[in-house]
Amino acid sequence: MRFLRRSESSGSTDTVSAPETDGADAADERPRTHTTPGKGRATPRRRDAEGRRRGPAPAPPRTQREASKLARANRPSKDDRRAKAAERRRRMDAGDDRVLLPRDRGKVRAHVRDVVDSRPHVIGLFLPLAALVLVAALVQNPMLQQYITLFTFLMLAVMVVEGTMLGVQVLKKARAKFPEEEIKGLPTGWYAFSRATQPRKMRVPKPRVKRGADV
């Protein structure tokens, strides 16, 4: 067998021509001058990065003295506590449900407060009447004590009657305004009675309707 012999018709050896390349391949062979160099390291995982940022957890206190010192260090300052208390008080006075006591929350209780605040009540004299009874007990005058005792029983009777009528009125208005709500009679009436016994300036939340308003 014969391999790679000279051609008899030509005096040169057969050569294999290189394949032709198109413009895209030629462009790929050009050196890239704007490539972004690698970081040279693997991207850290989020857990490892957060662990390095936070650092090791501090050792727990070993004695009561260290625990007390750590608690004092983490305790907010007096100014911060006063500011938070003032902000909470302001929001309670405004009737914000997020900071109110459970007994004051809800649109039904807000309506009950509006009904109570819309007019004055004899029940509002409950605290002054209690102070009068205390003064009468300190005064050593039997005649004065007798008159004050009689006046006290009379006022208590009037307060009981007014409180009962107020509870019935508030319950009727609340059920008419919120027919979809389940409103219990005794808790609602007692809530109205207890608010009416407080002086207007001491009520929390603060009254949002004026006296004489149609509620």
N, C-alpha and C. Protein backbone atom coordinates (compact mmCIF):
# COMPACT_ATOMS: atom_id res chain seq x y z
N MET A 1 0.84 -1.19 0.00
CA MET A 1 0.00 0.00 0.00
C MET A 1 0.88 1.24 0.00
N ARG A 2 0.33 2.29 -0.61
CA ARG A 2 1.12 3.53 -0.72
C ARG A 2 0.44 4.64 0.05
N PHE A 3 1.24 5.35 0.81
CA PHE A 3 0.72 6.46 1.61
C PHE A 3 1.45 7.73 1.25
N LEU A 4 0.70 8.81 1.03
CA LEU A 4 1.24 10.15 0.87
C LEU A 4 2.42 10.16 -0.10
N ARG A 5 2.14 9.91 -1.32
CA ARG A 5 3.19 9.97 -2.34
C ARG A 5 3.00 11.20 -3.19
N ARG A 6 4.06 11.60 -3.86
CA ARG A 6 4.01 12.76 -4.72
C ARG A 6 3.12 12.49 -5.92
N SER A 7 2.45 13.54 -6.30
CA SER A 7 1.61 13.41 -7.48
C SER A 7 2.48 13.43 -8.73
N GLU A 8 2.16 12.59 -9.63
CA GLU A 8 2.94 12.53 -10.85
C GLU A 8 2.70 13.72 -11.75
N SER A 9 1.51 14.32 -11.62
CA SER A 9 1.21 15.43 -12.49
C SER A 9 1.74 16.75 -11.97
N SER A 10 2.06 16.83 -10.70
CA SER A 10 2.59 18.07 -10.13
C SER A 10 3.73 17.75 -9.24
N GLY A 11 4.67 18.64 -9.11
CA GLY A 11 5.86 18.38 -8.32
C GLY A 11 5.75 18.77 -6.89
N SER A 12 4.57 19.14 -6.41
CA SER A 12 4.41 19.55 -5.01
C SER A 12 3.58 18.52 -4.29
N THR A 13 3.69 18.47 -2.97
CA THR A 13 2.92 17.53 -2.13
C THR A 13 1.54 18.08 -1.87
N ASP A 14 0.58 17.15 -1.64
CA ASP A 14 -0.79 17.56 -1.32
C ASP A 14 -0.85 18.11 0.09
N THR A 15 -1.46 19.25 0.26
CA THR A 15 -1.59 19.90 1.58
C THR A 15 -3.05 20.07 1.90
N VAL A 16 -3.37 19.98 3.17
CA VAL A 16 -4.76 20.15 3.64
C VAL A 16 -4.98 21.60 3.98
N SER A 17 -5.92 22.23 3.30
CA SER A 17 -6.19 23.65 3.55
C SER A 17 -6.98 23.83 4.85
N ALA A 18 -6.69 24.92 5.58
CA ALA A 18 -7.37 25.20 6.86
C ALA A 18 -8.80 25.62 6.60
N PRO A 19 -9.73 25.21 7.44
CA PRO A 19 -11.12 25.62 7.23
C PRO A 19 -11.29 27.11 7.38
N GLU A 20 -12.19 27.65 6.57
CA GLU A 20 -12.44 29.07 6.61
C GLU A 20 -13.30 29.41 7.83
N THR A 21 -13.01 30.53 8.44
CA THR A 21 -13.76 30.99 9.63
C THR A 21 -14.54 32.23 9.25
N ASP A 22 -15.73 32.33 9.81
CA ASP A 22 -16.55 33.50 9.52
C ASP A 22 -16.19 34.67 10.42
N GLY A 23 -16.89 35.77 10.24
CA GLY A 23 -16.57 36.97 11.00
C GLY A 23 -16.84 36.83 12.48
N ALA A 24 -17.87 36.02 12.86
CA ALA A 24 -18.21 35.86 14.27
C ALA A 24 -17.12 35.12 15.00
N ASP A 25 -16.55 34.06 14.36
CA ASP A 25 -15.48 33.32 15.03
C ASP A 25 -14.24 34.16 15.16
N ALA A 26 -13.99 35.00 14.13
CA ALA A 26 -12.82 35.87 14.20
C ALA A 26 -12.97 36.89 15.32
N ALA A 27 -14.22 37.34 15.50
CA ALA A 27 -14.43 38.32 16.58
C ALA A 27 -14.25 37.70 17.94
N ASP A 28 -14.61 36.37 18.02
CA ASP A 28 -14.45 35.70 19.31
C ASP A 28 -13.00 35.50 19.66
N GLU A 29 -12.13 35.40 18.63
CA GLU A 29 -10.72 35.17 18.89
C GLU A 29 -9.99 36.43 19.27
N ARG A 30 -10.65 37.59 19.18
CA ARG A 30 -9.99 38.85 19.54
C ARG A 30 -9.84 38.94 21.06
N PRO A 31 -8.82 39.52 21.53
CA PRO A 31 -8.63 39.64 22.99
C PRO A 31 -9.67 40.58 23.61
N ARG A 32 -10.22 40.17 24.70
CA ARG A 32 -11.22 40.97 25.42
C ARG A 32 -10.52 41.88 26.42
N THR A 33 -10.82 43.14 26.30
CA THR A 33 -10.13 44.12 27.14
C THR A 33 -11.00 44.63 28.28
N HIS A 34 -12.37 44.35 28.26
CA HIS A 34 -13.26 44.89 29.27
C HIS A 34 -13.88 43.80 30.14
N THR A 35 -13.24 42.69 30.32
CA THR A 35 -13.78 41.62 31.15
C THR A 35 -13.60 41.94 32.63
N THR A 36 -14.56 41.54 33.43
CA THR A 36 -14.51 41.78 34.88
C THR A 36 -13.71 40.68 35.56
N PRO A 37 -12.69 41.05 36.26
CA PRO A 37 -11.89 39.99 36.91
C PRO A 37 -12.68 39.32 38.02
N GLY A 38 -12.43 38.08 38.27
CA GLY A 38 -13.10 37.34 39.33
C GLY A 38 -12.67 37.80 40.71
N LYS A 39 -13.51 37.46 41.72
CA LYS A 39 -13.20 37.86 43.09
C LYS A 39 -12.08 37.03 43.69
N GLY A 40 -11.87 35.86 43.10
CA GLY A 40 -10.82 35.02 43.64
C GLY A 40 -11.25 34.22 44.86
N ARG A 41 -12.55 34.29 45.25
CA ARG A 41 -13.05 33.56 46.41
C ARG A 41 -14.54 33.29 46.18
N ALA A 42 -15.02 32.31 46.89
CA ALA A 42 -16.43 31.95 46.77
C ALA A 42 -17.31 32.92 47.55
N THR A 43 -18.52 33.14 47.06
CA THR A 43 -19.46 34.03 47.77
C THR A 43 -19.89 33.36 49.08
N PRO A 44 -19.73 34.06 50.21
CA PRO A 44 -20.11 33.42 51.49
C PRO A 44 -21.61 33.27 51.61
N ARG A 45 -22.01 32.25 52.34
CA ARG A 45 -23.42 32.05 52.58
C ARG A 45 -23.95 33.11 53.55
N ARG A 46 -25.26 33.32 53.50
CA ARG A 46 -25.87 34.38 54.32
C ARG A 46 -25.70 34.10 55.81
N ARG A 47 -25.84 32.84 56.19
CA ARG A 47 -25.69 32.50 57.61
C ARG A 47 -24.29 32.80 58.11
N ASP A 48 -23.27 32.46 57.28
CA ASP A 48 -21.89 32.73 57.70
C ASP A 48 -21.62 34.23 57.76
N ALA A 49 -22.17 35.00 56.77
CA ALA A 49 -21.94 36.44 56.77
C ALA A 49 -22.58 37.10 57.97
N GLU A 50 -23.80 36.70 58.30
CA GLU A 50 -24.46 37.29 59.47
C GLU A 50 -23.75 36.90 60.75
N GLY A 51 -23.24 35.69 60.82
CA GLY A 51 -22.51 35.28 62.01
C GLY A 51 -21.25 36.08 62.23
N ARG A 52 -20.52 36.38 61.12
CA ARG A 52 -19.32 37.20 61.27
C ARG A 52 -19.67 38.64 61.61
N ARG A 53 -20.82 39.13 61.11
CA ARG A 53 -21.20 40.51 61.40
C ARG A 53 -21.64 40.68 62.86
N ARG A 54 -22.39 39.72 63.37
CA ARG A 54 -22.84 39.83 64.75
C ARG A 54 -21.76 39.50 65.75
N GLY A 55 -20.90 38.61 65.40
CA GLY A 55 -19.87 38.21 66.33
C GLY A 55 -20.39 37.15 67.29
N PRO A 56 -19.54 36.64 68.12
CA PRO A 56 -19.96 35.58 69.06
C PRO A 56 -20.95 36.12 70.10
N ALA A 57 -21.84 35.26 70.54
CA ALA A 57 -22.83 35.66 71.55
C ALA A 57 -22.13 35.88 72.88
N PRO A 58 -22.54 36.92 73.62
CA PRO A 58 -21.90 37.16 74.92
C PRO A 58 -22.23 36.06 75.90
N ALA A 59 -21.31 35.85 76.80
CA ALA A 59 -21.51 34.80 77.81
C ALA A 59 -22.62 35.20 78.78
N PRO A 60 -23.45 34.27 79.21
CA PRO A 60 -24.52 34.61 80.16
C PRO A 60 -23.96 35.00 81.52
N PRO A 61 -24.68 35.81 82.27
CA PRO A 61 -24.19 36.19 83.60
C PRO A 61 -24.09 34.97 84.51
N ARG A 62 -23.01 34.94 85.30
CA ARG A 62 -22.77 33.79 86.18
C ARG A 62 -23.23 34.04 87.61
N THR A 63 -23.40 35.29 87.97
CA THR A 63 -23.82 35.61 89.33
C THR A 63 -25.01 36.56 89.28
N GLN A 64 -25.67 36.70 90.44
CA GLN A 64 -26.80 37.62 90.52
C GLN A 64 -26.35 39.06 90.32
N ARG A 65 -25.16 39.37 90.76
CA ARG A 65 -24.65 40.72 90.60
C ARG A 65 -24.44 41.06 89.12
N GLU A 66 -23.89 40.11 88.36
CA GLU A 66 -23.70 40.34 86.93
C GLU A 66 -25.05 40.45 86.22
N ALA A 67 -26.02 39.65 86.63
CA ALA A 67 -27.34 39.72 86.01
C ALA A 67 -28.00 41.08 86.28
N SER A 68 -27.86 41.57 87.51
CA SER A 68 -28.44 42.88 87.83
C SER A 68 -27.74 43.99 87.05
N LYS A 69 -26.44 43.88 86.91
CA LYS A 69 -25.69 44.90 86.16
C LYS A 69 -26.10 44.89 84.69
N LEU A 70 -26.29 43.69 84.10
CA LEU A 70 -26.72 43.59 82.71
C LEU A 70 -28.13 44.13 82.53
N ALA A 71 -29.01 43.87 83.50
CA ALA A 71 -30.38 44.38 83.41
C ALA A 71 -30.41 45.90 83.48
N ARG A 72 -29.59 46.50 84.35
CA ARG A 72 -29.52 47.96 84.44
C ARG A 72 -28.96 48.57 83.17
N ALA A 73 -28.01 47.86 82.53
CA ALA A 73 -27.44 48.40 81.29
C ALA A 73 -28.44 48.37 80.14
N ASN A 74 -29.29 47.36 80.12
CA ASN A 74 -30.28 47.24 79.04
C ASN A 74 -31.58 47.97 79.34
N ARG A 75 -31.72 48.49 80.55
CA ARG A 75 -32.96 49.18 80.91
C ARG A 75 -33.00 50.55 80.25
N PRO A 76 -34.14 50.93 79.67
CA PRO A 76 -34.22 52.26 79.07
C PRO A 76 -34.11 53.36 80.13
N SER A 77 -33.71 54.52 79.72
CA SER A 77 -33.52 55.63 80.64
C SER A 77 -34.87 56.15 81.14
N LYS A 78 -34.81 57.00 82.15
CA LYS A 78 -36.03 57.58 82.71
C LYS A 78 -36.76 58.46 81.69
N ASP A 79 -35.98 59.17 80.91
CA ASP A 79 -36.60 60.03 79.90
C ASP A 79 -37.36 59.20 78.87
N ASP A 80 -36.77 58.06 78.47
CA ASP A 80 -37.45 57.20 77.50
C ASP A 80 -38.72 56.62 78.10
N ARG A 81 -38.66 56.19 79.37
CA ARG A 81 -39.85 55.63 80.01
C ARG A 81 -40.94 56.69 80.17
N ARG A 82 -40.54 57.89 80.52
CA ARG A 82 -41.54 58.96 80.65
C ARG A 82 -42.16 59.32 79.31
N ALA A 83 -41.32 59.33 78.26
CA ALA A 83 -41.85 59.64 76.94
C ALA A 83 -42.82 58.56 76.47
N LYS A 84 -42.51 57.31 76.71
CA LYS A 84 -43.41 56.22 76.32
C LYS A 84 -44.70 56.26 77.12
N ALA A 85 -44.58 56.56 78.42
CA ALA A 85 -45.79 56.65 79.24
C ALA A 85 -46.68 57.81 78.80
N ALA A 86 -46.06 58.95 78.47
CA ALA A 86 -46.84 60.09 78.01
C ALA A 86 -47.51 59.81 76.67
N GLU A 87 -46.80 59.12 75.78
CA GLU A 87 -47.39 58.76 74.49
C GLU A 87 -48.54 57.77 74.67
N ARG A 88 -48.36 56.82 75.55
CA ARG A 88 -49.44 55.86 75.81
C ARG A 88 -50.65 56.55 76.42
N ARG A 89 -50.41 57.49 77.34
CA ARG A 89 -51.51 58.23 77.95
C ARG A 89 -52.25 59.07 76.91
N ARG A 90 -51.50 59.68 76.02
CA ARG A 90 -52.14 60.50 74.97
C ARG A 90 -53.01 59.64 74.07
N ARG A 91 -52.53 58.46 73.70
CA ARG A 91 -53.30 57.58 72.84
C ARG A 91 -54.52 57.02 73.55
N MET A 92 -54.40 56.78 74.84
CA MET A 92 -55.56 56.32 75.61
C MET A 92 -56.61 57.41 75.70
N ASP A 93 -56.18 58.65 75.93
CA ASP A 93 -57.14 59.76 75.98
C ASP A 93 -57.84 59.95 74.65
N ALA A 94 -57.13 59.66 73.54
CA ALA A 94 -57.72 59.82 72.21
C ALA A 94 -58.62 58.66 71.83
N GLY A 95 -58.60 57.55 72.62
CA GLY A 95 -59.47 56.42 72.33
C GLY A 95 -58.89 55.43 71.35
N ASP A 96 -57.56 55.29 71.30
CA ASP A 96 -56.92 54.32 70.41
C ASP A 96 -57.13 52.91 70.97
N ASP A 97 -57.81 52.06 70.21
CA ASP A 97 -58.12 50.71 70.68
C ASP A 97 -56.88 49.87 70.94
N ARG A 98 -55.75 50.21 70.32
CA ARG A 98 -54.54 49.40 70.47
C ARG A 98 -53.93 49.54 71.85
N VAL A 99 -54.24 50.58 72.58
CA VAL A 99 -53.67 50.78 73.91
C VAL A 99 -54.73 50.82 75.01
N LEU A 100 -56.00 50.77 74.65
CA LEU A 100 -57.05 50.83 75.65
C LEU A 100 -57.16 49.51 76.40
N LEU A 101 -57.76 49.57 77.57
CA LEU A 101 -58.05 48.36 78.33
C LEU A 101 -59.11 47.55 77.59
N PRO A 102 -59.14 46.23 77.80
CA PRO A 102 -60.13 45.41 77.08
C PRO A 102 -61.57 45.86 77.30
N ARG A 103 -61.88 46.40 78.48
CA ARG A 103 -63.26 46.81 78.74
C ARG A 103 -63.67 48.04 77.91
N ASP A 104 -62.69 48.83 77.44
CA ASP A 104 -62.98 50.06 76.70
C ASP A 104 -62.90 49.89 75.19
N ARG A 105 -62.53 48.72 74.70
CA ARG A 105 -62.30 48.55 73.27
C ARG A 105 -63.61 48.28 72.53
N GLY A 106 -63.61 48.66 71.27
CA GLY A 106 -64.73 48.36 70.40
C GLY A 106 -65.61 49.56 70.12
N LYS A 107 -66.32 49.47 69.00
CA LYS A 107 -67.19 50.57 68.60
C LYS A 107 -68.43 50.67 69.47
N VAL A 108 -68.85 49.54 70.06
CA VAL A 108 -70.03 49.59 70.94
C VAL A 108 -69.71 50.38 72.20
N ARG A 109 -68.57 50.09 72.82
CA ARG A 109 -68.19 50.82 74.02
C ARG A 109 -67.93 52.29 73.71
N ALA A 110 -67.41 52.59 72.55
CA ALA A 110 -67.20 54.00 72.18
C ALA A 110 -68.54 54.73 72.07
N HIS A 111 -69.54 54.06 71.52
CA HIS A 111 -70.87 54.68 71.43
C HIS A 111 -71.49 54.86 72.81
N VAL A 112 -71.29 53.90 73.69
CA VAL A 112 -71.80 54.03 75.06
C VAL A 112 -71.16 55.23 75.74
N ARG A 113 -69.88 55.42 75.55
CA ARG A 113 -69.21 56.59 76.14
C ARG A 113 -69.78 57.89 75.59
N ASP A 114 -70.07 57.91 74.30
CA ASP A 114 -70.64 59.12 73.70
C ASP A 114 -72.02 59.43 74.29
N VAL A 115 -72.82 58.41 74.51
CA VAL A 115 -74.15 58.63 75.09
C VAL A 115 -74.03 59.16 76.51
N VAL A 116 -73.12 58.60 77.28
CA VAL A 116 -72.94 59.05 78.67
C VAL A 116 -72.40 60.47 78.71
N ASP A 117 -71.46 60.78 77.82
CA ASP A 117 -70.81 62.09 77.84
C ASP A 117 -71.67 63.21 77.25
N SER A 118 -72.78 62.85 76.63
CA SER A 118 -73.59 63.86 75.95
C SER A 118 -74.44 64.69 76.90
N ARG A 119 -74.55 64.30 78.17
CA ARG A 119 -75.35 65.10 79.11
C ARG A 119 -74.83 64.89 80.53
N PRO A 120 -75.08 65.82 81.43
CA PRO A 120 -74.64 65.66 82.83
C PRO A 120 -75.52 64.65 83.57
N HIS A 121 -74.99 64.14 84.69
CA HIS A 121 -75.68 63.13 85.47
C HIS A 121 -75.50 63.42 86.96
N VAL A 122 -76.54 63.11 87.71
CA VAL A 122 -76.44 63.22 89.16
C VAL A 122 -75.43 62.22 89.71
N ILE A 123 -75.26 61.11 89.00
CA ILE A 123 -74.30 60.09 89.44
C ILE A 123 -72.88 60.66 89.49
N GLY A 124 -72.64 61.72 88.72
CA GLY A 124 -71.31 62.31 88.74
C GLY A 124 -70.93 62.92 90.07
N LEU A 125 -71.91 63.07 90.98
CA LEU A 125 -71.63 63.61 92.32
C LEU A 125 -71.27 62.52 93.31
N PHE A 126 -71.01 61.31 92.82
CA PHE A 126 -70.74 60.19 93.73
C PHE A 126 -69.47 60.42 94.53
N LEU A 127 -68.39 60.82 93.88
CA LEU A 127 -67.14 61.05 94.60
C LEU A 127 -67.24 62.23 95.57
N PRO A 128 -67.80 63.37 95.19
CA PRO A 128 -67.98 64.44 96.19
C PRO A 128 -68.86 64.01 97.36
N LEU A 129 -69.85 63.17 97.10
CA LEU A 129 -70.70 62.69 98.18
C LEU A 129 -69.93 61.80 99.14
N ALA A 130 -69.05 60.96 98.60
CA ALA A 130 -68.22 60.12 99.46
C ALA A 130 -67.28 60.97 100.32
N ALA A 131 -66.75 62.05 99.74
CA ALA A 131 -65.91 62.95 100.53
C ALA A 131 -66.70 63.65 101.62
N LEU A 132 -67.95 63.99 101.35
CA LEU A 132 -68.80 64.62 102.36
C LEU A 132 -69.08 63.67 103.52
N VAL A 133 -69.29 62.41 103.22
CA VAL A 133 -69.51 61.41 104.28
C VAL A 133 -68.26 61.27 105.14
N LEU A 134 -67.10 61.32 104.53
CA LEU A 134 -65.86 61.22 105.29
C LEU A 134 -65.68 62.42 106.21
N VAL A 135 -66.01 63.60 105.73
CA VAL A 135 -65.91 64.80 106.56
C VAL A 135 -66.90 64.73 107.72
N ALA A 136 -68.10 64.24 107.46
CA ALA A 136 -69.11 64.13 108.53
C ALA A 136 -68.66 63.15 109.61
N ALA A 137 -67.93 62.10 109.22
CA ALA A 137 -67.45 61.15 110.22
C ALA A 137 -66.38 61.76 111.10
N LEU A 138 -65.65 62.74 110.60
CA LEU A 138 -64.59 63.37 111.39
C LEU A 138 -65.12 64.49 112.29
N VAL A 139 -66.26 65.06 111.93
CA VAL A 139 -66.83 66.16 112.71
C VAL A 139 -67.65 65.59 113.87
N GLN A 140 -67.34 66.02 115.07
CA GLN A 140 -68.04 65.53 116.26
C GLN A 140 -69.27 66.39 116.53
N ASN A 141 -70.25 66.26 115.63
CA ASN A 141 -71.49 67.00 115.78
C ASN A 141 -72.64 66.05 115.40
N PRO A 142 -73.34 65.52 116.37
CA PRO A 142 -74.40 64.53 116.07
C PRO A 142 -75.50 65.09 115.16
N MET A 143 -75.88 66.34 115.36
CA MET A 143 -76.93 66.91 114.53
C MET A 143 -76.48 67.01 113.07
N LEU A 144 -75.25 67.49 112.85
CA LEU A 144 -74.73 67.60 111.49
C LEU A 144 -74.57 66.23 110.85
N GLN A 145 -74.10 65.27 111.60
CA GLN A 145 -73.97 63.92 111.08
C GLN A 145 -75.31 63.33 110.68
N GLN A 146 -76.34 63.64 111.45
CA GLN A 146 -77.67 63.12 111.12
C GLN A 146 -78.18 63.70 109.81
N TYR A 147 -78.02 65.00 109.62
CA TYR A 147 -78.46 65.62 108.38
C TYR A 147 -77.66 65.10 107.17
N ILE A 148 -76.35 64.97 107.35
CA ILE A 148 -75.52 64.49 106.24
C ILE A 148 -75.87 63.04 105.91
N THR A 149 -76.15 62.23 106.92
CA THR A 149 -76.54 60.83 106.66
C THR A 149 -77.85 60.76 105.90
N LEU A 150 -78.83 61.58 106.29
CA LEU A 150 -80.11 61.60 105.58
C LEU A 150 -79.93 62.06 104.14
N PHE A 151 -79.13 63.08 103.95
CA PHE A 151 -78.88 63.58 102.59
C PHE A 151 -78.15 62.54 101.75
N THR A 152 -77.24 61.81 102.38
CA THR A 152 -76.49 60.79 101.65
C THR A 152 -77.41 59.67 101.16
N PHE A 153 -78.28 59.18 102.03
CA PHE A 153 -79.21 58.12 101.62
C PHE A 153 -80.15 58.59 100.51
N LEU A 154 -80.58 59.84 100.59
CA LEU A 154 -81.45 60.38 99.55
C LEU A 154 -80.73 60.45 98.20
N MET A 155 -79.49 60.92 98.22
CA MET A 155 -78.72 61.01 96.98
C MET A 155 -78.40 59.63 96.41
N LEU A 156 -78.12 58.67 97.27
CA LEU A 156 -77.85 57.32 96.79
C LEU A 156 -79.07 56.72 96.11
N ALA A 157 -80.27 56.99 96.67
CA ALA A 157 -81.50 56.49 96.04
C ALA A 157 -81.70 57.12 94.67
N VAL A 158 -81.44 58.41 94.57
CA VAL A 158 -81.56 59.09 93.27
C VAL A 158 -80.55 58.54 92.27
N MET A 159 -79.34 58.27 92.73
CA MET A 159 -78.31 57.74 91.85
C MET A 159 -78.66 56.36 91.35
N VAL A 160 -79.22 55.53 92.21
CA VAL A 160 -79.60 54.18 91.78
C VAL A 160 -80.68 54.24 90.70
N VAL A 161 -81.68 55.10 90.91
CA VAL A 161 -82.74 55.23 89.92
C VAL A 161 -82.20 55.77 88.60
N GLU A 162 -81.36 56.81 88.68
CA GLU A 162 -80.81 57.39 87.45
C GLU A 162 -79.89 56.41 86.75
N GLY A 163 -79.10 55.68 87.53
CA GLY A 163 -78.20 54.71 86.92
C GLY A 163 -78.95 53.61 86.19
N THR A 164 -80.06 53.15 86.78
CA THR A 164 -80.87 52.12 86.11
C THR A 164 -81.47 52.64 84.81
N MET A 165 -82.00 53.85 84.85
CA MET A 165 -82.57 54.44 83.64
C MET A 165 -81.50 54.68 82.58
N LEU A 166 -80.32 55.10 83.01
CA LEU A 166 -79.23 55.33 82.07
C LEU A 166 -78.81 54.03 81.40
N GLY A 167 -78.70 52.95 82.18
CA GLY A 167 -78.31 51.67 81.60
C GLY A 167 -79.31 51.18 80.57
N VAL A 168 -80.61 51.32 80.86
CA VAL A 168 -81.64 50.90 79.89
C VAL A 168 -81.57 51.75 78.63
N GLN A 169 -81.38 53.06 78.79
CA GLN A 169 -81.31 53.94 77.63
C GLN A 169 -80.09 53.64 76.76
N VAL A 170 -78.95 53.45 77.40
CA VAL A 170 -77.72 53.18 76.65
C VAL A 170 -77.84 51.85 75.91
N LEU A 171 -78.37 50.84 76.58
CA LEU A 171 -78.52 49.54 75.95
C LEU A 171 -79.45 49.59 74.74
N LYS A 172 -80.53 50.33 74.86
CA LYS A 172 -81.48 50.46 73.76
C LYS A 172 -80.84 51.15 72.56
N LYS A 173 -80.10 52.23 72.80
CA LYS A 173 -79.46 52.95 71.70
C LYS A 173 -78.35 52.13 71.06
N ALA A 174 -77.60 51.41 71.87
CA ALA A 174 -76.51 50.61 71.31
C ALA A 174 -77.04 49.48 70.44
N ARG A 175 -78.09 48.81 70.87
CA ARG A 175 -78.66 47.73 70.06
C ARG A 175 -79.31 48.25 68.78
N ALA A 176 -79.87 49.45 68.85
CA ALA A 176 -80.46 50.03 67.64
C ALA A 176 -79.38 50.45 66.64
N LYS A 177 -78.25 50.90 67.12
CA LYS A 177 -77.18 51.38 66.22
C LYS A 177 -76.35 50.22 65.69
N PHE A 178 -76.19 49.16 66.48
CA PHE A 178 -75.37 48.02 66.06
C PHE A 178 -76.22 46.74 66.18
N PRO A 179 -77.15 46.55 65.26
CA PRO A 179 -78.00 45.36 65.37
C PRO A 179 -77.25 44.06 65.10
N GLU A 180 -76.12 44.13 64.41
CA GLU A 180 -75.37 42.91 64.11
C GLU A 180 -74.49 42.46 65.27
N GLU A 181 -74.31 43.30 66.27
CA GLU A 181 -73.46 42.98 67.41
C GLU A 181 -74.28 42.31 68.51
N GLU A 182 -73.62 41.41 69.23
CA GLU A 182 -74.24 40.78 70.40
C GLU A 182 -73.90 41.62 71.64
N ILE A 183 -74.84 42.39 72.12
CA ILE A 183 -74.61 43.33 73.23
C ILE A 183 -75.33 42.79 74.46
N LYS A 184 -74.57 42.53 75.49
CA LYS A 184 -75.13 42.03 76.74
C LYS A 184 -75.62 43.20 77.59
N GLY A 185 -76.72 42.97 78.29
CA GLY A 185 -77.36 44.06 79.01
C GLY A 185 -76.62 44.49 80.26
N LEU A 186 -76.31 43.56 81.16
CA LEU A 186 -75.71 43.93 82.44
C LEU A 186 -74.31 44.53 82.29
N PRO A 187 -73.39 43.92 81.53
CA PRO A 187 -72.07 44.56 81.38
C PRO A 187 -72.14 45.93 80.73
N THR A 188 -73.00 46.10 79.75
CA THR A 188 -73.12 47.40 79.07
C THR A 188 -73.70 48.45 80.00
N GLY A 189 -74.75 48.09 80.75
CA GLY A 189 -75.33 49.04 81.69
C GLY A 189 -74.37 49.42 82.81
N TRP A 190 -73.62 48.44 83.32
CA TRP A 190 -72.65 48.75 84.38
C TRP A 190 -71.51 49.61 83.86
N TYR A 191 -71.10 49.39 82.61
CA TYR A 191 -70.05 50.23 82.02
C TYR A 191 -70.51 51.68 81.92
N ALA A 192 -71.75 51.89 81.50
CA ALA A 192 -72.30 53.26 81.42
C ALA A 192 -72.41 53.87 82.81
N PHE A 193 -72.85 53.10 83.80
CA PHE A 193 -72.99 53.61 85.15
C PHE A 193 -71.64 54.01 85.74
N SER A 194 -70.63 53.15 85.57
CA SER A 194 -69.31 53.45 86.13
C SER A 194 -68.67 54.67 85.47
N ARG A 195 -68.90 54.87 84.19
CA ARG A 195 -68.34 56.06 83.54
C ARG A 195 -69.07 57.31 83.99
N ALA A 196 -70.38 57.22 84.20
CA ALA A 196 -71.14 58.39 84.63
C ALA A 196 -70.77 58.82 86.04
N THR A 197 -70.28 57.91 86.88
CA THR A 197 -69.89 58.28 88.24
C THR A 197 -68.58 59.07 88.28
N GLN A 198 -67.80 59.03 87.20
CA GLN A 198 -66.52 59.74 87.17
C GLN A 198 -66.73 61.19 86.75
N PRO A 199 -65.99 62.11 87.34
CA PRO A 199 -66.04 63.49 86.85
C PRO A 199 -65.62 63.56 85.38
N ARG A 200 -66.18 64.49 84.66
CA ARG A 200 -65.96 64.55 83.21
C ARG A 200 -64.48 64.72 82.86
N LYS A 201 -63.75 65.50 83.63
CA LYS A 201 -62.35 65.75 83.32
C LYS A 201 -61.45 64.56 83.64
N MET A 202 -61.94 63.62 84.43
CA MET A 202 -61.13 62.47 84.84
C MET A 202 -61.44 61.22 84.02
N ARG A 203 -62.32 61.32 83.06
CA ARG A 203 -62.71 60.14 82.28
C ARG A 203 -61.65 59.78 81.25
N VAL A 204 -61.41 58.49 81.10
CA VAL A 204 -60.47 57.96 80.13
C VAL A 204 -61.17 56.83 79.37
N PRO A 205 -61.22 56.94 78.04
CA PRO A 205 -60.78 58.01 77.14
C PRO A 205 -61.55 59.32 77.37
N LYS A 206 -60.96 60.39 76.91
CA LYS A 206 -61.56 61.70 77.08
C LYS A 206 -62.86 61.79 76.28
N PRO A 207 -63.85 62.54 76.77
CA PRO A 207 -65.09 62.71 76.00
C PRO A 207 -64.81 63.36 74.65
N ARG A 208 -65.42 62.81 73.62
CA ARG A 208 -65.24 63.36 72.28
C ARG A 208 -66.49 64.08 71.77
N VAL A 209 -67.53 64.13 72.60
CA VAL A 209 -68.75 64.86 72.24
C VAL A 209 -69.02 65.88 73.34
N LYS A 210 -69.64 66.97 72.96
CA LYS A 210 -70.00 67.99 73.92
C LYS A 210 -71.34 67.69 74.57
N ARG A 211 -71.58 68.34 75.70
CA ARG A 211 -72.86 68.15 76.37
C ARG A 211 -73.97 68.77 75.53
N GLY A 212 -75.05 68.04 75.42
CA GLY A 212 -76.16 68.48 74.61
C GLY A 212 -76.14 67.95 73.19
N ALA A 213 -75.08 67.20 72.83
CA ALA A 213 -74.98 66.65 71.49
C ALA A 213 -76.01 65.54 71.30
N ASP A 214 -76.51 65.42 70.09
CA ASP A 214 -77.49 64.38 69.77
C ASP A 214 -76.74 63.11 69.36
N VAL A 215 -76.75 62.11 70.23
CA VAL A 215 -76.03 60.86 69.97
C VAL A 215 -77.04 59.73 69.83
